Amino acid sequence: MSHVTDFPAASSPQAVSHFLQRLQMETDCADVHHAQARGEVDFTLLHVVGSEAGWRARHIPGSIWLPVAAITEQNLAQWSQDTLFVVYCAGPHCNGADRAALALARLGRPVKIMLGGICGWEDEGYAFASQSQPAAQVS
């Protein structure tokens, strides 16, 4: 018996519940990129870590720089209550997206984490936006 089978696989209903719950809380770089490429952006993409200068130098196209500490009811007022926020950070080694997702959820806002963050975006070979493009900012 291997370590793989030390514990039996979950039942199909348990697996359905588990994976459905994960997909309700997470998306990935490919799904975000696909939505952007098809003009199907029905979410607001938030870059939640680092400095504004770092965001200006390299960020995912269409993202808005809103650091975790700035996730407040006042700063979110420009979006409707049902706006889905997709948050990302530096990558798997960073918990900024988790912190941002928690802050948004505590404010009653729909949220998903984009798995992989900047590292995942780069690994997929997708282009970054830079300071040469106009900044999208929170007022």
Protein backbone atom coordinates (compact mmCIF):
# COMPACT_ATOMS: atom_id res chain seq x y z
CA MET A 1 0.00 0.00 0.00
CA SER A 2 1.37 3.42 -0.95
CA HIS A 3 1.07 6.76 0.81
CA VAL A 4 -1.40 7.65 -1.93
CA THR A 5 -3.80 4.98 -0.74
CA ASP A 6 -3.10 5.18 3.01
CA PHE A 7 -6.36 7.10 3.24
CA PRO A 8 -9.28 6.07 1.04
CA ALA A 9 -10.60 8.53 -1.52
CA ALA A 10 -13.62 10.56 -0.51
CA SER A 11 -17.03 9.50 -1.68
CA SER A 12 -18.32 11.15 -4.83
CA PRO A 13 -20.75 13.41 -2.90
CA GLN A 14 -17.93 14.48 -0.55
CA ALA A 15 -15.63 15.19 -3.51
CA VAL A 16 -18.33 17.18 -5.31
CA SER A 17 -18.91 19.29 -2.20
CA HIS A 18 -15.20 19.86 -1.62
CA PHE A 19 -14.28 20.83 -5.18
CA LEU A 20 -17.38 22.96 -5.66
CA GLN A 21 -16.50 24.88 -2.52
CA ARG A 22 -12.93 25.43 -3.74
CA LEU A 23 -14.16 26.70 -7.11
CA GLN A 24 -16.53 29.09 -5.35
CA MET A 25 -13.55 30.67 -3.58
CA GLU A 26 -10.77 30.41 -6.16
CA THR A 27 -10.07 31.10 -9.79
CA ASP A 28 -6.80 30.92 -11.67
CA CYS A 29 -4.68 32.95 -14.05
CA ALA A 30 -5.95 31.11 -17.12
CA ASP A 31 -9.59 31.82 -16.26
CA VAL A 32 -8.88 35.52 -15.65
CA HIS A 33 -6.85 35.80 -18.85
CA HIS A 34 -9.55 33.98 -20.83
CA ALA A 35 -12.24 36.34 -19.51
CA GLN A 36 -10.11 39.36 -20.43
CA ALA A 37 -9.29 38.04 -23.91
CA ARG A 38 -12.98 37.40 -24.63
CA GLY A 39 -14.19 40.70 -23.17
CA GLU A 40 -16.12 38.82 -20.49
CA VAL A 41 -14.76 40.64 -17.45
CA ASP A 42 -17.60 40.43 -14.94
CA PHE A 43 -15.39 40.99 -11.90
CA THR A 44 -13.03 43.61 -10.51
CA LEU A 45 -9.40 42.51 -10.34
CA LEU A 46 -7.48 43.84 -7.33
CA HIS A 47 -3.71 43.89 -6.92
CA VAL A 48 -3.53 43.86 -3.11
CA VAL A 49 0.15 43.92 -2.12
CA GLY A 50 3.24 46.01 -2.64
CA SER A 51 3.62 49.67 -3.37
CA GLU A 52 1.89 51.78 -5.96
CA ALA A 53 5.27 52.21 -7.65
CA GLY A 54 5.63 48.44 -7.85
CA TRP A 55 2.11 48.12 -9.24
CA ARG A 56 2.85 50.80 -11.84
CA ALA A 57 6.01 48.96 -12.90
CA ARG A 58 4.29 45.59 -13.39
CA HIS A 59 0.77 44.41 -12.83
CA ILE A 60 -1.89 42.28 -14.42
CA PRO A 61 -3.75 44.25 -17.09
CA GLY A 62 -7.06 45.64 -15.89
CA SER A 63 -6.14 45.40 -12.23
CA ILE A 64 -6.60 48.11 -9.66
CA TRP A 65 -4.03 48.65 -6.92
CA LEU A 66 -5.83 48.44 -3.60
CA PRO A 67 -3.57 47.25 -0.79
CA VAL A 68 -5.06 45.13 1.95
CA ALA A 69 -4.93 47.99 4.47
CA ALA A 70 -7.03 50.14 2.11
CA ILE A 71 -9.87 47.63 1.82
CA THR A 72 -12.49 49.65 3.66
CA GLU A 73 -16.19 50.25 3.17
CA GLN A 74 -15.37 53.80 2.07
CA ASN A 75 -12.92 52.67 -0.62
CA LEU A 76 -15.35 50.01 -1.85
CA ALA A 77 -18.30 52.41 -2.08
CA GLN A 78 -17.74 52.99 -5.81
CA TRP A 79 -18.65 49.35 -6.55
CA SER A 80 -22.08 47.81 -6.14
CA GLN A 81 -22.55 45.37 -3.26
CA ASP A 82 -22.72 42.42 -5.65
CA THR A 83 -19.44 43.18 -7.46
CA LEU A 84 -17.24 40.09 -7.50
CA PHE A 85 -13.69 40.98 -6.49
CA VAL A 86 -10.83 38.78 -7.66
CA VAL A 87 -7.73 39.40 -5.58
CA TYR A 88 -4.14 38.49 -6.27
CA CYS A 89 -0.76 38.97 -4.65
CA ALA A 90 2.83 38.09 -5.45
CA GLY A 91 2.24 34.35 -5.60
CA PRO A 92 2.05 31.13 -3.60
CA HIS A 93 4.66 32.42 -1.14
CA CYS A 94 2.46 35.42 -0.24
CA ASN A 95 -0.68 35.51 1.90
CA GLY A 96 -1.76 38.99 0.81
CA ALA A 97 -4.59 37.61 -1.33
CA ASP A 98 -5.88 35.58 1.62
CA ARG A 99 -5.79 38.66 3.84
CA ALA A 100 -7.57 40.75 1.19
CA ALA A 101 -10.19 38.05 0.61
CA LEU A 102 -10.85 37.87 4.34
CA ALA A 103 -11.21 41.66 4.57
CA LEU A 104 -13.63 41.73 1.63
CA ALA A 105 -15.67 38.82 3.01
CA ARG A 106 -15.89 40.54 6.40
CA LEU A 107 -17.36 43.54 4.58
CA GLY A 108 -19.96 41.29 2.98
CA ARG A 109 -18.40 41.44 -0.50
CA PRO A 110 -18.19 38.51 -2.95
CA VAL A 111 -14.56 37.51 -3.45
CA LYS A 112 -12.33 34.93 -5.07
CA ILE A 113 -8.58 34.51 -4.93
CA MET A 114 -6.66 34.21 -8.19
CA LEU A 115 -4.34 31.28 -7.57
CA GLY A 116 -0.71 31.84 -8.52
CA GLY A 117 -0.79 35.63 -8.40
CA ILE A 118 1.99 37.46 -10.22
CA CYS A 119 4.16 34.31 -10.30
CA GLY A 120 1.38 32.26 -11.85
CA TRP A 121 0.63 34.96 -14.43
CA GLU A 122 4.29 35.04 -15.40
CA ASP A 123 4.54 31.23 -15.47
CA GLU A 124 1.62 31.14 -17.93
CA GLY A 125 3.50 33.58 -20.20
CA TYR A 126 0.82 36.26 -20.04
CA ALA A 127 1.79 39.88 -20.62
CA PHE A 128 1.96 42.41 -17.82
CA ALA A 129 0.80 45.99 -17.92
CA SER A 130 3.25 48.69 -16.91
CA GLN A 131 3.58 52.37 -16.12
CA SER A 132 3.25 53.17 -19.81
CA GLN A 133 -0.45 52.45 -19.42
CA PRO A 134 -2.84 54.70 -17.51
CA ALA A 135 -3.32 53.77 -13.89
CA ALA A 136 -6.70 52.59 -12.68
CA GLN A 137 -7.06 53.91 -9.14
CA VAL A 138 -9.46 54.02 -6.28
CA SER A 139 -10.69 57.53 -5.65
